[in-house]
C-alpha atoms as a PDB file:
ATOM      1  CA  SER A   1      -8.097  21.458  -4.702  1.00  0.00           C
ATOM      2  CA  ILE A   2      -5.936  19.852  -2.422  1.00  0.00           C
ATOM      3  CA  LEU A   3      -7.282  17.708   0.964  1.00  0.00           C
ATOM      4  CA  HIS A   4      -4.273  18.018   3.139  1.00  0.00           C
ATOM      5  CA  SER A   5      -6.562  16.697   6.724  1.00  0.00           C
ATOM      6  CA  LEU A   6      -7.514  13.684   4.832  1.00  0.00           C
ATOM      7  CA  ASP A   7      -6.928  10.488   6.462  1.00  0.00           C
ATOM      8  CA  THR A   8      -9.617   8.154   5.495  1.00  0.00           C
ATOM      9  CA  LEU A   9     -11.475   7.933   1.751  1.00  0.00           C
ATOM     10  CA  SER A  10     -13.098   4.921   0.903  1.00  0.00           C
ATOM     11  CA  THR A  11     -15.710   3.982  -2.088  1.00  0.00           C
ATOM     12  CA  ALA A  12     -14.036   6.383  -4.513  1.00  0.00           C
ATOM     13  CA  TRP A  13     -14.369   5.907  -8.033  1.00  0.00           C
ATOM     14  CA  ILE A  14     -11.897   6.732 -10.580  1.00  0.00           C
ATOM     15  CA  SER A  15     -11.694   6.089 -14.072  1.00  0.00           C
ATOM     16  CA  TYR A  16      -8.099   5.815 -15.827  1.00  0.00           C
ATOM     17  CA  GLY A  17      -9.212   8.427 -18.073  1.00  0.00           C
ATOM     18  CA  GLN A  18      -9.958  10.730 -14.689  1.00  0.00           C
ATOM     19  CA  GLY A  19      -6.076  10.120 -14.015  1.00  0.00           C
ATOM     20  CA  ILE A  20      -5.736   7.982 -11.136  1.00  0.00           C
ATOM     21  CA  GLU A  21      -2.387   9.853 -10.400  1.00  0.00           C
ATOM     22  CA  LYS A  22      -3.908  13.200 -10.788  1.00  0.00           C
ATOM     23  CA  ILE A  23      -7.200  12.740  -8.561  1.00  0.00           C
ATOM     24  CA  VAL A  24      -5.192  10.944  -5.564  1.00  0.00           C
ATOM     25  CA  ARG A  25      -2.468  13.158  -5.152  1.00  0.00           C
ATOM     26  CA  LYS A  26      -5.423  15.819  -4.029  1.00  0.00           C
ATOM     27  CA  PHE A  27      -4.770  13.528  -0.899  1.00  0.00           C
ATOM     28  CA  PRO A  28      -1.208  13.818   0.423  1.00  0.00           C
ATOM     29  CA  ASN A  29      -1.625  12.474   3.665  1.00  0.00           C
ATOM     30  CA  ILE A  30      -4.118   9.583   3.263  1.00  0.00           C
ATOM     31  CA  ARG A  31      -3.507   6.887   5.382  1.00  0.00           C
ATOM     32  CA  GLU A  32      -6.298   4.811   4.658  1.00  0.00           C
ATOM     33  CA  LEU A  33      -7.580   4.867   0.510  1.00  0.00           C
ATOM     34  CA  LYS A  34     -10.532   2.150  -0.598  1.00  0.00           C
ATOM     35  CA  CYS A  35     -11.359   2.280  -4.503  1.00  0.00           C
ATOM     36  CA  GLU A  36     -12.530   1.350  -7.847  1.00  0.00           C
ATOM     37  CA  LEU A  37     -11.081   1.746 -10.234  1.00  0.00           C
ATOM     38  CA  ASP A  38     -12.247   1.428 -13.754  1.00  0.00           C
ATOM     39  CA  TYR A  39      -9.612   0.483 -17.037  1.00  0.00           C
ATOM     40  CA  GLU A  40     -12.783   0.078 -19.621  1.00  0.00           C
ATOM     41  CA  GLU A  41     -10.829   2.997 -21.535  1.00  0.00           C
ATOM     42  CA  LEU A  42      -7.477   1.898 -22.092  1.00  0.00           C
ATOM     43  CA  ALA A  43      -8.991  -1.819 -22.209  1.00  0.00           C
ATOM     44  CA  ALA A  44     -10.987  -0.443 -25.613  1.00  0.00           C
ATOM     45  CA  SER A  45      -7.726   2.241 -26.711  1.00  0.00           C
ATOM     46  CA  THR A  46      -5.855   1.198 -30.160  1.00  0.00           C
ATOM     47  CA  GLU A  47      -2.276   0.878 -27.701  1.00  0.00           C
ATOM     48  CA  ASN A  48      -0.417  -1.528 -26.195  1.00  0.00           C
ATOM     49  CA  ARG A  49      -2.762  -0.908 -23.099  1.00  0.00           C
ATOM     50  CA  GLY A  50       0.408  -0.406 -21.252  1.00  0.00           C
ATOM     51  CA  SER A  51       0.590   2.038 -18.413  1.00  0.00           C
ATOM     52  CA  ILE A  52       1.960   2.581 -14.686  1.00  0.00           C
ATOM     53  CA  VAL A  53       0.597   4.032 -11.868  1.00  0.00           C
ATOM     54  CA  ASP A  54       2.587   5.768  -9.647  1.00  0.00           C
ATOM     55  CA  LEU A  55       1.416   5.649  -5.814  1.00  0.00           C
ATOM     56  CA  SER A  56       4.763   5.951  -4.746  1.00  0.00           C
ATOM     57  CA  PHE A  57       4.613   9.500  -3.385  1.00  0.00           C
ATOM     58  CA  LEU A  58       1.696   8.769  -1.098  1.00  0.00           C
ATOM     59  CA  ASN A  59       4.453   8.150   2.134  1.00  0.00           C
ATOM     60  CA  ARG A  60       1.724   7.938   4.833  1.00  0.00           C
ATOM     61  CA  LEU A  61      -0.478   5.329   3.091  1.00  0.00           C
ATOM     62  CA  GLU A  62      -0.674   2.323   5.459  1.00  0.00           C
ATOM     63  CA  SER A  63      -3.823   0.753   4.064  1.00  0.00           C
ATOM     64  CA  LEU A  64      -5.161  -0.029   0.032  1.00  0.00           C
ATOM     65  CA  SER A  65      -7.945  -1.453  -1.132  1.00  0.00           C
ATOM     66  CA  ILE A  66      -8.039  -1.397  -5.193  1.00  0.00           C
ATOM     67  CA  ILE A  67     -10.831  -3.340  -6.639  1.00  0.00           C
ATOM     68  CA  HIS A  68     -10.406  -3.607 -10.120  1.00  0.00           C
ATOM     69  CA  ASP A  69     -13.185  -3.758 -12.926  1.00  0.00           C
ATOM     70  CA  ASP A  70     -13.106  -7.041 -15.406  1.00  0.00           C
ATOM     71  CA  TYR A  71     -10.691  -4.963 -18.279  1.00  0.00           C
ATOM     72  CA  ALA A  72      -7.780  -4.430 -15.470  1.00  0.00           C
ATOM     73  CA  THR A  73      -7.478  -7.982 -16.341  1.00  0.00           C
ATOM     74  CA  ILE A  74      -6.208  -7.832 -19.812  1.00  0.00           C
ATOM     75  CA  CYS A  75      -4.264  -4.753 -19.700  1.00  0.00           C
ATOM     76  CA  LYS A  76      -0.766  -4.330 -19.287  1.00  0.00           C
ATOM     77  CA  ILE A  77      -0.901  -2.146 -16.128  1.00  0.00           C
ATOM     78  CA  GLU A  78       2.406  -1.390 -13.398  1.00  0.00           C
ATOM     79  CA  TYR A  79       1.592  -0.575 -10.191  1.00  0.00           C
ATOM     80  CA  HIS A  80       4.091   1.248  -8.194  1.00  0.00           C
ATOM     81  CA  PHE A  81       3.505   1.484  -4.362  1.00  0.00           C
ATOM     82  CA  PRO A  82       4.324   3.582  -1.496  1.00  0.00           C
ATOM     83  CA  LEU A  83       6.941   1.385   0.464  1.00  0.00           C
ATOM     84  CA  ASN A  84       5.199   1.942   3.759  1.00  0.00           C
ATOM     85  CA  LEU A  85       1.880   0.197   3.272  1.00  0.00           C
ATOM     86  CA  LYS A  86       0.915  -2.106   5.553  1.00  0.00           C
ATOM     87  CA  LYS A  87      -1.883  -3.565   3.959  1.00  0.00           C
ATOM     88  CA  LEU A  88      -2.795  -4.380   0.164  1.00  0.00           C
ATOM     89  CA  THR A  89      -5.891  -5.833  -1.125  1.00  0.00           C
ATOM     90  CA  LEU A  90      -6.358  -6.092  -5.272  1.00  0.00           C
ATOM     91  CA  SER A  91      -9.367  -7.148  -6.501  1.00  0.00           C
ATOM     92  CA  TYR A  92      -9.733  -8.550 -10.369  1.00  0.00           C
ATOM     93  CA  PHE A  93      -5.897  -7.167 -10.722  1.00  0.00           C
ATOM     94  CA  PRO A  94      -3.967  -7.109 -14.106  1.00  0.00           C
ATOM     95  CA  CYS A  95      -0.909 -10.049 -14.482  1.00  0.00           C
ATOM     96  CA  GLY A  96       1.823  -6.746 -13.938  1.00  0.00           C
ATOM     97  CA  THR A  97       0.504  -6.225 -10.672  1.00  0.00           C
ATOM     98  CA  VAL A  98       2.129  -9.297  -9.229  1.00  0.00           C
ATOM     99  CA  SER A  99       5.570  -8.629  -9.559  1.00  0.00           C
ATOM    100  CA  THR A 100       6.071  -5.450  -7.482  1.00  0.00           C
ATOM    101  CA  LEU A 101       4.082  -7.005  -4.266  1.00  0.00           C
ATOM    102  CA  GLY A 102       7.260  -8.407  -2.641  1.00  0.00           C
ATOM    103  CA  LYS A 103       8.741  -5.720  -2.650  1.00  0.00           C
ATOM    104  CA  LEU A 104       7.349  -3.841  -0.153  1.00  0.00           C
ATOM    105  CA  PRO A 105       9.130  -4.074   3.463  1.00  0.00           C
ATOM    106  CA  ASN A 106       6.480  -3.086   5.737  1.00  0.00           C
ATOM    107  CA  LEU A 107       3.381  -4.710   3.849  1.00  0.00           C
ATOM    108  CA  GLU A 108       1.933  -7.086   6.597  1.00  0.00           C
ATOM    109  CA  VAL A 109      -1.567  -7.839   5.263  1.00  0.00           C
ATOM    110  CA  LEU A 110      -1.774  -9.082   1.629  1.00  0.00           C
ATOM    111  CA  ASN A 111      -5.948  -9.474   0.294  1.00  0.00           C
ATOM    112  CA  LEU A 112      -5.504 -11.040  -3.768  1.00  0.00           C
ATOM    113  CA  SER A 113      -8.687 -12.108  -5.176  1.00  0.00           C
ATOM    114  CA  TYR A 114     -10.224 -12.398  -8.880  1.00  0.00           C
ATOM    115  CA  GLY A 115      -6.812 -12.109 -10.293  1.00  0.00           C
ATOM    116  CA  PRO A 116      -5.677 -12.569 -14.595  1.00  0.00           C
ATOM    117  CA  HIS A 117      -6.591 -15.686 -15.864  1.00  0.00           C
ATOM    118  CA  ASP A 118      -2.597 -15.889 -17.835  1.00  0.00           C
ATOM    119  CA  TRP A 119      -1.182 -15.505 -13.957  1.00  0.00           C
ATOM    120  CA  LYS A 120      -0.568 -19.289 -13.751  1.00  0.00           C
ATOM    121  CA  ILE A 121       2.611 -19.422 -11.528  1.00  0.00           C
ATOM    122  CA  TRP A 122       3.345 -17.255  -8.504  1.00  0.00           C
ATOM    123  CA  GLU A 123       6.958 -17.581  -7.681  1.00  0.00           C
ATOM    124  CA  MET A 124       7.996 -15.754  -4.554  1.00  0.00           C
ATOM    125  CA  LYS A 125      12.064 -14.370  -4.627  1.00  0.00           C
ATOM    126  CA  GLU A 126      14.099 -14.947  -2.492  1.00  0.00           C
ATOM    127  CA  GLY A 127      13.630 -11.737   0.057  1.00  0.00           C
ATOM    128  CA  GLU A 128      10.579 -10.712  -0.457  1.00  0.00           C
ATOM    129  CA  PHE A 129       7.258 -10.500   2.163  1.00  0.00           C
ATOM    130  CA  PRO A 130       9.587 -10.032   4.806  1.00  0.00           C
ATOM    131  CA  LYS A 131       6.938  -8.835   7.306  1.00  0.00           C
ATOM    132  CA  LEU A 132       3.758 -10.000   6.141  1.00  0.00           C
ATOM    133  CA  LYS A 133       1.924 -11.869   8.999  1.00  0.00           C
ATOM    134  CA  THR A 134      -1.628 -12.261   6.637  1.00  0.00           C
ATOM    135  CA  LEU A 135      -2.000 -13.700   3.424  1.00  0.00           C
ATOM    136  CA  ARG A 136      -5.418 -14.326   2.085  1.00  0.00           C
ATOM    137  CA  MET A 137      -6.280 -15.811  -2.092  1.00  0.00           C
ATOM    138  CA  GLY A 138      -9.753 -16.236  -3.193  1.00  0.00           C
ATOM    139  CA  ALA A 139     -10.628 -17.342  -6.183  1.00  0.00           C
ATOM    140  CA  LEU A 140      -7.448 -17.273  -8.509  1.00  0.00           C
ATOM    141  CA  CYS A 141      -6.517 -19.422 -11.341  1.00  0.00           C
ATOM    142  CA  THR A 142      -3.115 -19.632 -10.622  1.00  0.00           C
ATOM    143  CA  LEU A 143      -1.798 -23.347 -10.572  1.00  0.00           C
ATOM    144  CA  ARG A 144       1.486 -23.261  -9.042  1.00  0.00           C
ATOM    145  CA  TRP A 145       2.508 -21.363  -5.867  1.00  0.00           C
ATOM    146  CA  ILE A 146       6.562 -21.194  -5.345  1.00  0.00           C
ATOM    147  CA  GLY A 147       8.633 -20.179  -2.647  1.00  0.00           C
ATOM    148  CA  CYS A 148      12.357 -20.383  -1.603  1.00  0.00           C
ATOM    149  CA  ASP A 149      12.923 -22.177   1.959  1.00  0.00           C
ATOM    150  CA  ASP A 150      13.348 -18.781   3.855  1.00  0.00           C
ATOM    151  CA  SER A 151      10.008 -17.258   1.998  1.00  0.00           C
ATOM    152  CA  LEU A 152       7.299 -15.681   4.338  1.00  0.00           C
ATOM    153  CA  PRO A 153       9.338 -15.902   7.573  1.00  0.00           C
ATOM    154  CA  CYS A 154       6.331 -14.177   9.787  1.00  0.00           C
ATOM    155  CA  LEU A 155       3.655 -15.450   8.175  1.00  0.00           C
ATOM    156  CA  GLU A 156       0.751 -16.565  10.688  1.00  0.00           C
ATOM    157  CA  LYS A 157      -2.314 -16.842   9.162  1.00  0.00           C
ATOM    158  CA  LEU A 158      -2.879 -18.150   5.533  1.00  0.00           C
ATOM    159  CA  VAL A 159      -6.514 -18.485   4.127  1.00  0.00           C
ATOM    160  CA  LEU A 160      -7.338 -20.491   0.651  1.00  0.00           C
ATOM    161  CA  SER A 161     -10.681 -19.650  -1.328  1.00  0.00           C
ATOM    162  CA  ARG A 162     -11.732 -21.493  -3.953  1.00  0.00           C
ATOM    163  CA  CYS A 163      -8.300 -21.484  -5.043  1.00  0.00           C
ATOM    164  CA  GLU A 164      -9.498 -25.124  -7.015  1.00  0.00           C
ATOM    165  CA  LYS A 165      -6.189 -25.374 -10.047  1.00  0.00           C
ATOM    166  CA  LEU A 166      -3.349 -24.394  -7.025  1.00  0.00           C
ATOM    167  CA  THR A 167      -1.868 -27.962  -7.276  1.00  0.00           C
ATOM    168  CA  GLU A 168       1.591 -26.196  -5.709  1.00  0.00           C
ATOM    169  CA  ILE A 169       2.452 -24.476  -2.764  1.00  0.00           C
ATOM    170  CA  PRO A 170       5.848 -23.177  -1.051  1.00  0.00           C
ATOM    171  CA  SER A 171       7.729 -26.016   0.815  1.00  0.00           C
ATOM    172  CA  CYS A 172       8.774 -23.271   3.468  1.00  0.00           C
ATOM    173  CA  LEU A 173       4.688 -23.650   4.820  1.00  0.00           C
ATOM    174  CA  TRP A 174       5.189 -27.207   6.272  1.00  0.00           C
ATOM    175  CA  TYR A 175       8.673 -25.397   8.831  1.00  0.00           C
ATOM    176  CA  ALA A 176       7.352 -22.098   9.210  1.00  0.00           C
ATOM    177  CA  SER A 177       7.472 -22.324  12.857  1.00  0.00           C
ATOM    178  CA  THR A 178       5.233 -18.906  13.512  1.00  0.00           C
ATOM    179  CA  LEU A 179       2.565 -20.521  11.450  1.00  0.00           C
ATOM    180  CA  GLU A 180      -0.798 -20.076  13.983  1.00  0.00           C
ATOM    181  CA  VAL A 181      -3.873 -20.305  11.384  1.00  0.00           C
ATOM    182  CA  ILE A 182      -4.416 -22.359   7.998  1.00  0.00           C
ATOM    183  CA  MET A 183      -7.775 -22.199   6.787  1.00  0.00           C
ATOM    184  CA  VAL A 184      -9.428 -24.141   3.166  1.00  0.00           C
ATOM    185  CA  GLN A 185     -12.363 -23.449   1.592  1.00  0.00           C
ATOM    186  CA  GLN A 186     -13.977 -24.331  -1.280  1.00  0.00           C
ATOM    187  CA  CYS A 187     -10.506 -26.240  -2.732  1.00  0.00           C
ATOM    188  CA  SER A 188      -9.207 -29.719  -4.257  1.00  0.00           C
ATOM    189  CA  ASP A 189      -8.830 -31.920  -1.920  1.00  0.00           C
ATOM    190  CA  PHE A 190      -5.515 -32.103  -3.160  1.00  0.00           C
ATOM    191  CA  LEU A 191      -4.712 -28.998  -1.920  1.00  0.00           C
ATOM    192  CA  THR A 192      -7.056 -30.261   0.906  1.00  0.00           C
ATOM    193  CA  SER A 193      -4.259 -32.833   1.754  1.00  0.00           C
ATOM    194  CA  LEU A 194      -1.210 -30.930   1.046  1.00  0.00           C
ATOM    195  CA  VAL A 195      -2.653 -28.458   4.066  1.00  0.00           C
ATOM    196  CA  CYS A 196      -3.053 -31.509   6.273  1.00  0.00           C
ATOM    197  CA  GLU A 197       0.544 -32.951   5.316  1.00  0.00           C
ATOM    198  CA  ILE A 198       1.564 -29.282   6.833  1.00  0.00           C
ATOM    199  CA  GLU A 199      -0.201 -29.836   9.319  1.00  0.00           C
ATOM    200  CA  ASP A 200       1.590 -32.957   9.954  1.00  0.00           C
ATOM    201  CA  GLU A 201       4.835 -31.666   9.962  1.00  0.00           C
ATOM    202  CA  GLN A 202       4.351 -28.499  11.750  1.00  0.00           C
ATOM    203  CA  ARG A 203       2.625 -30.510  14.846  1.00  0.00           C
ATOM    204  CA  SER A 204       5.553 -33.341  15.172  1.00  0.00           C
ATOM    205  CA  MET A 205       8.393 -30.331  14.939  1.00  0.00           C
ATOM    206  CA  GLY A 206       5.946 -29.411  18.181  1.00  0.00           C
ATOM    207  CA  ASN A 207       3.795 -26.593  16.839  1.00  0.00           C
ATOM    208  CA  GLU A 208       0.949 -27.489  18.953  1.00  0.00           C
ATOM    209  CA  ASP A 209      -0.704 -23.638  18.648  1.00  0.00           C
ATOM    210  CA  LEU A 210      -1.559 -24.769  15.095  1.00  0.00           C
ATOM    211  CA  LYS A 211      -5.237 -24.221  14.233  1.00  0.00           C
ATOM    212  CA  VAL A 212      -6.329 -25.870  11.084  1.00  0.00           C
ATOM    213  CA  HIS A 213     -10.013 -24.883   9.218  1.00  0.00           C
ATOM    214  CA  ILE A 214     -11.036 -27.067   6.192  1.00  0.00           C
ATOM    215  CA  ILE A 215     -14.683 -26.097   5.408  1.00  0.00           C
ATOM    216  CA  PRO A 216     -16.078 -28.019   2.417  1.00  0.00           C
ATOM    217  CA  GLU A 217     -18.305 -26.259  -0.538  1.00  0.00           C
ATOM    218  CA  GLU A 218     -21.400 -27.200   1.333  1.00  0.00           C
ATOM    219  CA  LYS A 219     -20.556 -25.312   4.505  1.00  0.00           C
ATOM    220  CA  SER A 220     -18.714 -22.902   3.197  1.00  0.00           C
ATOM    221  CA  GLY A 221     -19.857 -19.454   4.573  1.00  0.00           C
ATOM    222  CA  SER A 222     -18.328 -15.694   4.658  1.00  0.00           C
ATOM    223  CA  GLU A 223     -14.442 -15.582   5.554  1.00  0.00           C
ATOM    224  CA  ALA A 224     -13.653 -15.226   9.036  1.00  0.00           C
ATOM    225  CA  GLU A 225     -11.583 -12.155   9.837  1.00  0.00           C
END
């Protein structure tokens, strides 16, 4: 049956074999969805491990959290997200997901953790993430994070946690007048030095309100909200 009045659904567990789109179509007016997806069946199949998950029909969805199992990172999965999304959280996500994120025009909060091992370069294209205010990146294997001069024009908070391999971050961060908070947890000394350079540049431009928190590994606690 279709539940038109359901507004929030948390901790839903859905396997690929059940048909992800088929299940979520039962909640056409949902605004907040948190789910765990099991892709073991797709990973074990003899097919090309390719799949498109279309969620674009969820026109009222504003907050989406998806925790994938480990199998998702080796599958070729492409998501079509609803354009009205404001908050998106992805854990153990497949590489094919990344290219679609910047096309969400209303996205304000993006949390990424435990990405695929072959996601080495994240290149933000011109015009992507026009409204993003908060970006959290945790335990990613990404080596280079590249952006345009006008990337992340509304970014206020950046959290980098356990991104030990990250050696490059977008130059736009040095000059982003909207930045209010940068938090670095359990990252390399090199990345920490880059963040300190950003702090110095921001100070020289008059951004005295920028707060930079650098938390060494031995003192790291739970990430601040």
